[in-house]
Protein backbone atom coordinates (compact mmCIF):
# COMPACT_ATOMS: atom_id res chain seq x y z
CA UNK A 1 0.00 0.00 0.00
CA UNK A 2 2.76 2.47 0.83
CA UNK A 3 4.43 1.83 -2.55
CA UNK A 4 1.14 2.76 -4.25
CA UNK A 5 1.04 6.07 -2.42
CA UNK A 6 4.64 6.78 -3.32
CA UNK A 7 3.93 6.11 -6.98
CA UNK A 8 0.83 8.29 -7.08
CA UNK A 9 2.27 11.29 -5.24
CA UNK A 10 4.57 12.35 -8.08
CA UNK A 11 1.68 11.85 -10.50
CA UNK A 12 -0.57 14.02 -8.36
CA UNK A 13 2.14 16.65 -8.12
CA UNK A 14 2.50 16.66 -11.89
CA UNK A 15 -1.27 17.00 -12.35
CA UNK A 16 -1.37 19.81 -9.79
CA UNK A 17 1.48 21.65 -11.55
CA UNK A 18 -0.14 21.25 -14.95
CA UNK A 19 -3.53 22.36 -13.59
CA UNK A 20 -1.97 25.42 -11.99
CA UNK A 21 -0.16 26.25 -15.23
CA UNK A 22 -3.42 25.91 -17.18
CA UNK A 23 -5.35 28.15 -14.77
CA UNK A 24 -2.60 30.77 -14.80
CA UNK A 25 -2.50 30.53 -18.60
CA UNK A 26 -6.27 31.06 -18.87
CA UNK A 27 -5.97 34.08 -16.57
CA UNK A 28 -3.13 35.46 -18.71
CA UNK A 29 -5.03 34.96 -21.98
CA UNK A 30 -8.12 36.59 -20.47
CA UNK A 31 -6.15 39.58 -19.19
CA UNK A 32 -4.34 39.99 -22.50
CA UNK A 33 -7.60 39.72 -24.46
CA UNK A 34 -9.08 42.52 -22.34
CA UNK A 35 -6.11 44.91 -22.48
CA UNK A 36 -6.28 47.47 -25.26
CA UNK A 37 -3.11 49.21 -26.36
CA UNK A 38 -3.80 52.40 -28.32
CA UNK A 39 -2.60 51.93 -31.89
CA UNK A 40 -3.64 52.69 -35.43
CA UNK A 41 -5.90 51.75 -37.17
CA UNK A 42 -7.44 49.75 -34.30
CA UNK A 43 -6.47 49.28 -30.66
CA UNK A 44 -4.19 46.30 -30.22
CA UNK A 45 -4.93 43.55 -27.72
CA UNK A 46 -2.24 41.28 -26.35
CA UNK A 47 -4.21 38.12 -27.18
CA UNK A 48 -1.59 36.89 -29.66
CA UNK A 49 1.17 37.63 -27.17
CA UNK A 50 -0.46 35.42 -24.54
CA UNK A 51 -1.21 32.53 -26.90
CA UNK A 52 2.30 32.49 -28.35
CA UNK A 53 4.04 32.96 -24.99
CA UNK A 54 2.12 30.05 -23.49
CA UNK A 55 2.86 27.84 -26.50
CA UNK A 56 6.59 28.62 -26.38
CA UNK A 57 6.78 28.29 -22.60
CA UNK A 58 4.73 25.13 -22.11
CA UNK A 59 4.88 23.08 -25.29
CA UNK A 60 2.05 21.79 -27.45
CA UNK A 61 0.02 19.67 -25.02
CA UNK A 62 -0.20 22.16 -22.18
CA UNK A 63 -0.68 25.10 -24.56
CA UNK A 64 -3.55 23.33 -26.31
CA UNK A 65 -5.09 22.27 -22.99
CA UNK A 66 -4.85 25.86 -21.73
CA UNK A 67 -6.59 27.28 -24.78
CA UNK A 68 -9.26 24.57 -24.62
CA UNK A 69 -10.00 25.50 -21.00
CA UNK A 70 -10.09 29.17 -22.06
CA UNK A 71 -12.61 28.32 -24.79
CA UNK A 72 -14.66 26.24 -22.35
CA UNK A 73 -14.75 29.14 -19.89
CA UNK A 74 -15.99 31.39 -22.68
CA UNK A 75 -18.50 28.82 -23.91
CA UNK A 76 -20.17 28.63 -20.50
CA UNK A 77 -20.58 32.38 -20.49
CA UNK A 78 -17.61 33.70 -18.55
CA UNK A 79 -16.54 37.03 -20.10
CA UNK A 80 -13.03 35.92 -21.02
CA UNK A 81 -12.97 37.03 -24.66
CA UNK A 82 -12.03 40.41 -26.06
CA UNK A 83 -15.15 42.56 -26.22
CA UNK A 84 -17.17 40.48 -23.80
CA UNK A 85 -19.66 40.96 -22.32
CA UNK A 86 -20.39 44.07 -24.44
CA UNK A 87 -20.45 42.12 -27.73
CA UNK A 88 -22.10 39.01 -26.33
CA UNK A 89 -20.95 35.96 -24.41
CA UNK A 90 -20.83 32.20 -24.62
CA UNK A 91 -21.43 30.10 -27.69
CA UNK A 92 -23.17 33.01 -29.46
CA UNK A 93 -19.97 35.06 -29.25
CA UNK A 94 -17.84 32.10 -30.31
CA UNK A 95 -20.03 31.44 -33.35
CA UNK A 96 -19.77 35.09 -34.40
CA UNK A 97 -17.27 36.80 -36.71
CA UNK A 98 -14.27 36.28 -34.41
CA UNK A 99 -14.96 32.59 -33.78
CA UNK A 100 -12.58 31.52 -36.52
CA UNK A 101 -9.74 33.40 -34.89
CA UNK A 102 -10.48 31.61 -31.62
CA UNK A 103 -10.28 28.26 -33.44
CA UNK A 104 -7.14 29.50 -35.16
CA UNK A 105 -5.54 30.30 -31.82
CA UNK A 106 -6.41 26.80 -30.65
CA UNK A 107 -4.63 25.29 -33.65
CA UNK A 108 -1.78 27.78 -33.27
CA UNK A 109 -1.29 26.78 -29.63
CA UNK A 110 -0.45 23.21 -30.53
CA UNK A 111 1.46 23.99 -33.72
CA UNK A 112 3.57 26.75 -32.20
CA UNK A 113 4.29 24.70 -29.10
CA UNK A 114 5.39 21.72 -31.20
CA UNK A 115 7.51 23.73 -33.64
CA UNK A 116 9.15 25.81 -30.90
CA UNK A 117 10.32 22.89 -28.76
CA UNK A 118 14.07 22.59 -28.67
CA UNK A 119 14.56 25.50 -31.06
CA UNK A 120 16.70 28.56 -30.69
CA UNK A 121 15.53 32.16 -30.91
CA UNK A 122 15.07 32.15 -34.69
CA UNK A 123 13.31 28.79 -34.69
CA UNK A 124 10.88 29.90 -31.98
CA UNK A 125 10.17 33.08 -33.93
CA UNK A 126 9.37 31.10 -37.07
CA UNK A 127 7.20 28.74 -34.98
CA UNK A 128 5.18 31.74 -33.78
CA UNK A 129 4.88 33.09 -37.32
CA UNK A 130 3.60 29.68 -38.44
CA UNK A 131 1.06 29.76 -35.60
CA UNK A 132 -0.04 33.24 -36.61
CA UNK A 133 -0.42 32.11 -40.24
CA UNK A 134 -2.68 29.26 -39.08
CA UNK A 135 -4.71 31.69 -36.97
CA UNK A 136 -5.37 33.89 -39.99
CA UNK A 137 -5.89 30.89 -42.29
CA UNK A 138 -8.79 29.78 -40.10
CA UNK A 139 -10.02 33.19 -38.95
CA UNK A 140 -10.27 34.94 -42.31
CA UNK A 141 -12.50 32.40 -44.10
CA UNK A 142 -14.74 32.29 -41.01
CA UNK A 143 -14.98 36.08 -41.08
CA UNK A 144 -15.97 35.73 -44.74
CA UNK A 145 -19.21 34.14 -43.57
CA UNK A 146 -20.15 37.48 -41.96
CA UNK A 147 -18.74 40.18 -44.23
CA UNK A 148 -18.55 40.61 -48.03
CA UNK A 149 -15.62 38.67 -49.46
CA UNK A 150 -13.89 41.84 -50.64
CA UNK A 151 -13.87 43.15 -47.06
CA UNK A 152 -12.27 40.13 -45.38
CA UNK A 153 -8.65 41.29 -45.74
CA UNK A 154 -9.33 45.00 -45.00
CA UNK A 155 -11.42 44.14 -41.92
CA UNK A 156 -9.82 40.93 -40.63
CA UNK A 157 -6.13 41.15 -41.52
CA UNK A 158 -4.82 44.60 -42.37
CA UNK A 159 -5.79 46.34 -39.10
CA UNK A 160 -4.35 43.55 -36.94
CA UNK A 161 -1.22 42.17 -38.57
CA UNK A 162 1.17 44.87 -37.32
CA UNK A 163 -0.04 44.45 -33.73
CA UNK A 164 0.25 40.66 -34.00
CA UNK A 165 3.80 40.93 -35.32
CA UNK A 166 4.68 43.29 -32.46
CA UNK A 167 3.20 40.77 -30.01
CA UNK A 168 5.34 38.00 -31.52
CA UNK A 169 8.44 40.20 -31.36
CA UNK A 170 7.77 40.87 -27.67
CA UNK A 171 7.43 37.13 -26.97
CA UNK A 172 10.60 36.41 -28.96
CA UNK A 173 12.51 39.00 -26.94
CA UNK A 174 11.08 37.71 -23.67
CA UNK A 175 11.85 34.10 -24.58
CA UNK A 176 15.44 35.08 -25.40
CA UNK A 177 15.83 36.13 -21.76
CA UNK A 178 14.64 32.75 -20.44
CA UNK A 179 17.11 29.86 -20.36
CA UNK A 180 16.30 27.58 -23.30
CA UNK A 181 16.18 24.50 -21.04
CA UNK A 182 13.12 25.96 -19.28
CA UNK A 183 11.09 26.70 -22.41
CA UNK A 184 8.50 24.08 -23.27
CA UNK A 185 8.72 22.57 -19.77
CA UNK A 186 6.48 24.72 -17.58
CA UNK A 187 3.88 22.60 -15.83
CA UNK A 188 5.68 19.34 -16.62
C-alpha atoms as a PDB file:
ATOM      1  CA  UNK A   1       0.000   0.000   0.000  1.00  0.00           C
ATOM      2  CA  UNK A   2       2.758   2.474   0.828  1.00  0.00           C
ATOM      3  CA  UNK A   3       4.431   1.829  -2.553  1.00  0.00           C
ATOM      4  CA  UNK A   4       1.142   2.756  -4.255  1.00  0.00           C
ATOM      5  CA  UNK A   5       1.039   6.069  -2.422  1.00  0.00           C
ATOM      6  CA  UNK A   6       4.644   6.778  -3.317  1.00  0.00           C
ATOM      7  CA  UNK A   7       3.928   6.110  -6.978  1.00  0.00           C
ATOM      8  CA  UNK A   8       0.827   8.291  -7.078  1.00  0.00           C
ATOM      9  CA  UNK A   9       2.266  11.294  -5.243  1.00  0.00           C
ATOM     10  CA  UNK A  10       4.572  12.354  -8.084  1.00  0.00           C
ATOM     11  CA  UNK A  11       1.683  11.846 -10.503  1.00  0.00           C
ATOM     12  CA  UNK A  12      -0.566  14.015  -8.360  1.00  0.00           C
ATOM     13  CA  UNK A  13       2.142  16.650  -8.121  1.00  0.00           C
ATOM     14  CA  UNK A  14       2.499  16.662 -11.892  1.00  0.00           C
ATOM     15  CA  UNK A  15      -1.268  16.997 -12.353  1.00  0.00           C
ATOM     16  CA  UNK A  16      -1.367  19.809  -9.788  1.00  0.00           C
ATOM     17  CA  UNK A  17       1.478  21.655 -11.545  1.00  0.00           C
ATOM     18  CA  UNK A  18      -0.141  21.247 -14.949  1.00  0.00           C
ATOM     19  CA  UNK A  19      -3.531  22.358 -13.587  1.00  0.00           C
ATOM     20  CA  UNK A  20      -1.974  25.425 -11.989  1.00  0.00           C
ATOM     21  CA  UNK A  21      -0.162  26.252 -15.228  1.00  0.00           C
ATOM     22  CA  UNK A  22      -3.419  25.912 -17.179  1.00  0.00           C
ATOM     23  CA  UNK A  23      -5.347  28.148 -14.775  1.00  0.00           C
ATOM     24  CA  UNK A  24      -2.605  30.769 -14.805  1.00  0.00           C
ATOM     25  CA  UNK A  25      -2.502  30.530 -18.600  1.00  0.00           C
ATOM     26  CA  UNK A  26      -6.265  31.063 -18.873  1.00  0.00           C
ATOM     27  CA  UNK A  27      -5.972  34.076 -16.568  1.00  0.00           C
ATOM     28  CA  UNK A  28      -3.134  35.463 -18.708  1.00  0.00           C
ATOM     29  CA  UNK A  29      -5.029  34.956 -21.976  1.00  0.00           C
ATOM     30  CA  UNK A  30      -8.119  36.594 -20.473  1.00  0.00           C
ATOM     31  CA  UNK A  31      -6.153  39.579 -19.188  1.00  0.00           C
ATOM     32  CA  UNK A  32      -4.337  39.988 -22.504  1.00  0.00           C
ATOM     33  CA  UNK A  33      -7.597  39.721 -24.457  1.00  0.00           C
ATOM     34  CA  UNK A  34      -9.075  42.523 -22.343  1.00  0.00           C
ATOM     35  CA  UNK A  35      -6.113  44.914 -22.478  1.00  0.00           C
ATOM     36  CA  UNK A  36      -6.278  47.465 -25.262  1.00  0.00           C
ATOM     37  CA  UNK A  37      -3.107  49.213 -26.355  1.00  0.00           C
ATOM     38  CA  UNK A  38      -3.803  52.400 -28.321  1.00  0.00           C
ATOM     39  CA  UNK A  39      -2.599  51.930 -31.889  1.00  0.00           C
ATOM     40  CA  UNK A  40      -3.643  52.693 -35.433  1.00  0.00           C
ATOM     41  CA  UNK A  41      -5.904  51.749 -37.172  1.00  0.00           C
ATOM     42  CA  UNK A  42      -7.438  49.754 -34.305  1.00  0.00           C
ATOM     43  CA  UNK A  43      -6.475  49.277 -30.659  1.00  0.00           C
ATOM     44  CA  UNK A  44      -4.186  46.301 -30.221  1.00  0.00           C
ATOM     45  CA  UNK A  45      -4.930  43.553 -27.718  1.00  0.00           C
ATOM     46  CA  UNK A  46      -2.240  41.275 -26.355  1.00  0.00           C
ATOM     47  CA  UNK A  47      -4.208  38.115 -27.180  1.00  0.00           C
ATOM     48  CA  UNK A  48      -1.593  36.891 -29.661  1.00  0.00           C
ATOM     49  CA  UNK A  49       1.172  37.631 -27.166  1.00  0.00           C
ATOM     50  CA  UNK A  50      -0.462  35.417 -24.537  1.00  0.00           C
ATOM     51  CA  UNK A  51      -1.214  32.531 -26.905  1.00  0.00           C
ATOM     52  CA  UNK A  52       2.300  32.486 -28.352  1.00  0.00           C
ATOM     53  CA  UNK A  53       4.037  32.959 -24.988  1.00  0.00           C
ATOM     54  CA  UNK A  54       2.116  30.055 -23.489  1.00  0.00           C
ATOM     55  CA  UNK A  55       2.864  27.842 -26.504  1.00  0.00           C
ATOM     56  CA  UNK A  56       6.592  28.617 -26.382  1.00  0.00           C
ATOM     57  CA  UNK A  57       6.782  28.292 -22.597  1.00  0.00           C
ATOM     58  CA  UNK A  58       4.730  25.132 -22.111  1.00  0.00           C
ATOM     59  CA  UNK A  59       4.884  23.078 -25.290  1.00  0.00           C
ATOM     60  CA  UNK A  60       2.051  21.795 -27.448  1.00  0.00           C
ATOM     61  CA  UNK A  61       0.017  19.674 -25.017  1.00  0.00           C
ATOM     62  CA  UNK A  62      -0.204  22.161 -22.177  1.00  0.00           C
ATOM     63  CA  UNK A  63      -0.677  25.101 -24.556  1.00  0.00           C
ATOM     64  CA  UNK A  64      -3.550  23.330 -26.307  1.00  0.00           C
ATOM     65  CA  UNK A  65      -5.092  22.272 -22.991  1.00  0.00           C
ATOM     66  CA  UNK A  66      -4.847  25.857 -21.735  1.00  0.00           C
ATOM     67  CA  UNK A  67      -6.589  27.275 -24.776  1.00  0.00           C
ATOM     68  CA  UNK A  68      -9.264  24.565 -24.619  1.00  0.00           C
ATOM     69  CA  UNK A  69     -10.000  25.504 -21.001  1.00  0.00           C
ATOM     70  CA  UNK A  70     -10.092  29.175 -22.055  1.00  0.00           C
ATOM     71  CA  UNK A  71     -12.606  28.323 -24.789  1.00  0.00           C
ATOM     72  CA  UNK A  72     -14.658  26.237 -22.352  1.00  0.00           C
ATOM     73  CA  UNK A  73     -14.748  29.139 -19.894  1.00  0.00           C
ATOM     74  CA  UNK A  74     -15.991  31.394 -22.678  1.00  0.00           C
ATOM     75  CA  UNK A  75     -18.496  28.820 -23.905  1.00  0.00           C
ATOM     76  CA  UNK A  76     -20.171  28.627 -20.501  1.00  0.00           C
ATOM     77  CA  UNK A  77     -20.576  32.385 -20.492  1.00  0.00           C
ATOM     78  CA  UNK A  78     -17.608  33.702 -18.549  1.00  0.00           C
ATOM     79  CA  UNK A  79     -16.544  37.032 -20.102  1.00  0.00           C
ATOM     80  CA  UNK A  80     -13.034  35.925 -21.021  1.00  0.00           C
ATOM     81  CA  UNK A  81     -12.966  37.033 -24.659  1.00  0.00           C
ATOM     82  CA  UNK A  82     -12.032  40.406 -26.057  1.00  0.00           C
ATOM     83  CA  UNK A  83     -15.146  42.564 -26.223  1.00  0.00           C
ATOM     84  CA  UNK A  84     -17.174  40.481 -23.799  1.00  0.00           C
ATOM     85  CA  UNK A  85     -19.664  40.961 -22.317  1.00  0.00           C
ATOM     86  CA  UNK A  86     -20.390  44.071 -24.444  1.00  0.00           C
ATOM     87  CA  UNK A  87     -20.451  42.121 -27.732  1.00  0.00           C
ATOM     88  CA  UNK A  88     -22.100  39.006 -26.327  1.00  0.00           C
ATOM     89  CA  UNK A  89     -20.949  35.961 -24.410  1.00  0.00           C
ATOM     90  CA  UNK A  90     -20.830  32.199 -24.620  1.00  0.00           C
ATOM     91  CA  UNK A  91     -21.434  30.104 -27.689  1.00  0.00           C
ATOM     92  CA  UNK A  92     -23.166  33.008 -29.459  1.00  0.00           C
ATOM     93  CA  UNK A  93     -19.965  35.065 -29.254  1.00  0.00           C
ATOM     94  CA  UNK A  94     -17.841  32.095 -30.307  1.00  0.00           C
ATOM     95  CA  UNK A  95     -20.030  31.443 -33.349  1.00  0.00           C
ATOM     96  CA  UNK A  96     -19.766  35.088 -34.401  1.00  0.00           C
ATOM     97  CA  UNK A  97     -17.266  36.805 -36.706  1.00  0.00           C
ATOM     98  CA  UNK A  98     -14.267  36.279 -34.411  1.00  0.00           C
ATOM     99  CA  UNK A  99     -14.959  32.591 -33.780  1.00  0.00           C
ATOM    100  CA  UNK A 100     -12.582  31.523 -36.523  1.00  0.00           C
ATOM    101  CA  UNK A 101      -9.740  33.400 -34.893  1.00  0.00           C
ATOM    102  CA  UNK A 102     -10.476  31.607 -31.623  1.00  0.00           C
ATOM    103  CA  UNK A 103     -10.275  28.263 -33.443  1.00  0.00           C
ATOM    104  CA  UNK A 104      -7.143  29.503 -35.165  1.00  0.00           C
ATOM    105  CA  UNK A 105      -5.539  30.299 -31.816  1.00  0.00           C
ATOM    106  CA  UNK A 106      -6.410  26.800 -30.646  1.00  0.00           C
ATOM    107  CA  UNK A 107      -4.632  25.289 -33.650  1.00  0.00           C
ATOM    108  CA  UNK A 108      -1.780  27.776 -33.271  1.00  0.00           C
ATOM    109  CA  UNK A 109      -1.295  26.779 -29.628  1.00  0.00           C
ATOM    110  CA  UNK A 110      -0.446  23.213 -30.526  1.00  0.00           C
ATOM    111  CA  UNK A 111       1.462  23.987 -33.715  1.00  0.00           C
ATOM    112  CA  UNK A 112       3.568  26.753 -32.200  1.00  0.00           C
ATOM    113  CA  UNK A 113       4.288  24.703 -29.099  1.00  0.00           C
ATOM    114  CA  UNK A 114       5.389  21.721 -31.202  1.00  0.00           C
ATOM    115  CA  UNK A 115       7.510  23.726 -33.637  1.00  0.00           C
ATOM    116  CA  UNK A 116       9.150  25.815 -30.896  1.00  0.00           C
ATOM    117  CA  UNK A 117      10.325  22.894 -28.756  1.00  0.00           C
ATOM    118  CA  UNK A 118      14.074  22.589 -28.670  1.00  0.00           C
ATOM    119  CA  UNK A 119      14.558  25.499 -31.064  1.00  0.00           C
ATOM    120  CA  UNK A 120      16.703  28.555 -30.691  1.00  0.00           C
ATOM    121  CA  UNK A 121      15.529  32.155 -30.914  1.00  0.00           C
ATOM    122  CA  UNK A 122      15.074  32.146 -34.685  1.00  0.00           C
ATOM    123  CA  UNK A 123      13.313  28.785 -34.693  1.00  0.00           C
ATOM    124  CA  UNK A 124      10.883  29.903 -31.977  1.00  0.00           C
ATOM    125  CA  UNK A 125      10.166  33.083 -33.928  1.00  0.00           C
ATOM    126  CA  UNK A 126       9.371  31.096 -37.065  1.00  0.00           C
ATOM    127  CA  UNK A 127       7.202  28.743 -34.981  1.00  0.00           C
ATOM    128  CA  UNK A 128       5.184  31.736 -33.779  1.00  0.00           C
ATOM    129  CA  UNK A 129       4.876  33.092 -37.317  1.00  0.00           C
ATOM    130  CA  UNK A 130       3.597  29.684 -38.440  1.00  0.00           C
ATOM    131  CA  UNK A 131       1.062  29.758 -35.602  1.00  0.00           C
ATOM    132  CA  UNK A 132      -0.039  33.238 -36.614  1.00  0.00           C
ATOM    133  CA  UNK A 133      -0.423  32.110 -40.237  1.00  0.00           C
ATOM    134  CA  UNK A 134      -2.678  29.259 -39.079  1.00  0.00           C
ATOM    135  CA  UNK A 135      -4.708  31.690 -36.972  1.00  0.00           C
ATOM    136  CA  UNK A 136      -5.373  33.890 -39.991  1.00  0.00           C
ATOM    137  CA  UNK A 137      -5.885  30.889 -42.294  1.00  0.00           C
ATOM    138  CA  UNK A 138      -8.788  29.778 -40.096  1.00  0.00           C
ATOM    139  CA  UNK A 139     -10.020  33.194 -38.954  1.00  0.00           C
ATOM    140  CA  UNK A 140     -10.266  34.944 -42.313  1.00  0.00           C
ATOM    141  CA  UNK A 141     -12.500  32.404 -44.100  1.00  0.00           C
ATOM    142  CA  UNK A 142     -14.741  32.286 -41.008  1.00  0.00           C
ATOM    143  CA  UNK A 143     -14.985  36.077 -41.080  1.00  0.00           C
ATOM    144  CA  UNK A 144     -15.973  35.727 -44.742  1.00  0.00           C
ATOM    145  CA  UNK A 145     -19.214  34.135 -43.574  1.00  0.00           C
ATOM    146  CA  UNK A 146     -20.145  37.482 -41.961  1.00  0.00           C
ATOM    147  CA  UNK A 147     -18.738  40.181 -44.234  1.00  0.00           C
ATOM    148  CA  UNK A 148     -18.548  40.612 -48.030  1.00  0.00           C
ATOM    149  CA  UNK A 149     -15.615  38.669 -49.456  1.00  0.00           C
ATOM    150  CA  UNK A 150     -13.887  41.839 -50.636  1.00  0.00           C
ATOM    151  CA  UNK A 151     -13.874  43.154 -47.062  1.00  0.00           C
ATOM    152  CA  UNK A 152     -12.270  40.131 -45.383  1.00  0.00           C
ATOM    153  CA  UNK A 153      -8.650  41.292 -45.738  1.00  0.00           C
ATOM    154  CA  UNK A 154      -9.331  45.000 -45.002  1.00  0.00           C
ATOM    155  CA  UNK A 155     -11.416  44.139 -41.921  1.00  0.00           C
ATOM    156  CA  UNK A 156      -9.816  40.929 -40.630  1.00  0.00           C
ATOM    157  CA  UNK A 157      -6.132  41.148 -41.524  1.00  0.00           C
ATOM    158  CA  UNK A 158      -4.821  44.604 -42.371  1.00  0.00           C
ATOM    159  CA  UNK A 159      -5.787  46.337 -39.095  1.00  0.00           C
ATOM    160  CA  UNK A 160      -4.353  43.549 -36.939  1.00  0.00           C
ATOM    161  CA  UNK A 161      -1.219  42.171 -38.574  1.00  0.00           C
ATOM    162  CA  UNK A 162       1.165  44.869 -37.321  1.00  0.00           C
ATOM    163  CA  UNK A 163      -0.041  44.446 -33.728  1.00  0.00           C
ATOM    164  CA  UNK A 164       0.249  40.664 -33.996  1.00  0.00           C
ATOM    165  CA  UNK A 165       3.801  40.930 -35.322  1.00  0.00           C
ATOM    166  CA  UNK A 166       4.680  43.287 -32.456  1.00  0.00           C
ATOM    167  CA  UNK A 167       3.199  40.772 -30.007  1.00  0.00           C
ATOM    168  CA  UNK A 168       5.335  37.998 -31.518  1.00  0.00           C
ATOM    169  CA  UNK A 169       8.437  40.197 -31.363  1.00  0.00           C
ATOM    170  CA  UNK A 170       7.774  40.869 -27.665  1.00  0.00           C
ATOM    171  CA  UNK A 171       7.432  37.131 -26.974  1.00  0.00           C
ATOM    172  CA  UNK A 172      10.599  36.413 -28.961  1.00  0.00           C
ATOM    173  CA  UNK A 173      12.515  39.001 -26.945  1.00  0.00           C
ATOM    174  CA  UNK A 174      11.084  37.708 -23.673  1.00  0.00           C
ATOM    175  CA  UNK A 175      11.854  34.098 -24.584  1.00  0.00           C
ATOM    176  CA  UNK A 176      15.437  35.084 -25.400  1.00  0.00           C
ATOM    177  CA  UNK A 177      15.827  36.130 -21.765  1.00  0.00           C
ATOM    178  CA  UNK A 178      14.644  32.751 -20.442  1.00  0.00           C
ATOM    179  CA  UNK A 179      17.112  29.861 -20.358  1.00  0.00           C
ATOM    180  CA  UNK A 180      16.296  27.578 -23.302  1.00  0.00           C
ATOM    181  CA  UNK A 181      16.184  24.504 -21.042  1.00  0.00           C
ATOM    182  CA  UNK A 182      13.115  25.962 -19.281  1.00  0.00           C
ATOM    183  CA  UNK A 183      11.090  26.699 -22.413  1.00  0.00           C
ATOM    184  CA  UNK A 184       8.502  24.079 -23.267  1.00  0.00           C
ATOM    185  CA  UNK A 185       8.719  22.568 -19.767  1.00  0.00           C
ATOM    186  CA  UNK A 186       6.478  24.722 -17.579  1.00  0.00           C
ATOM    187  CA  UNK A 187       3.881  22.601 -15.831  1.00  0.00           C
ATOM    188  CA  UNK A 188       5.684  19.339 -16.616  1.00  0.00           C
END
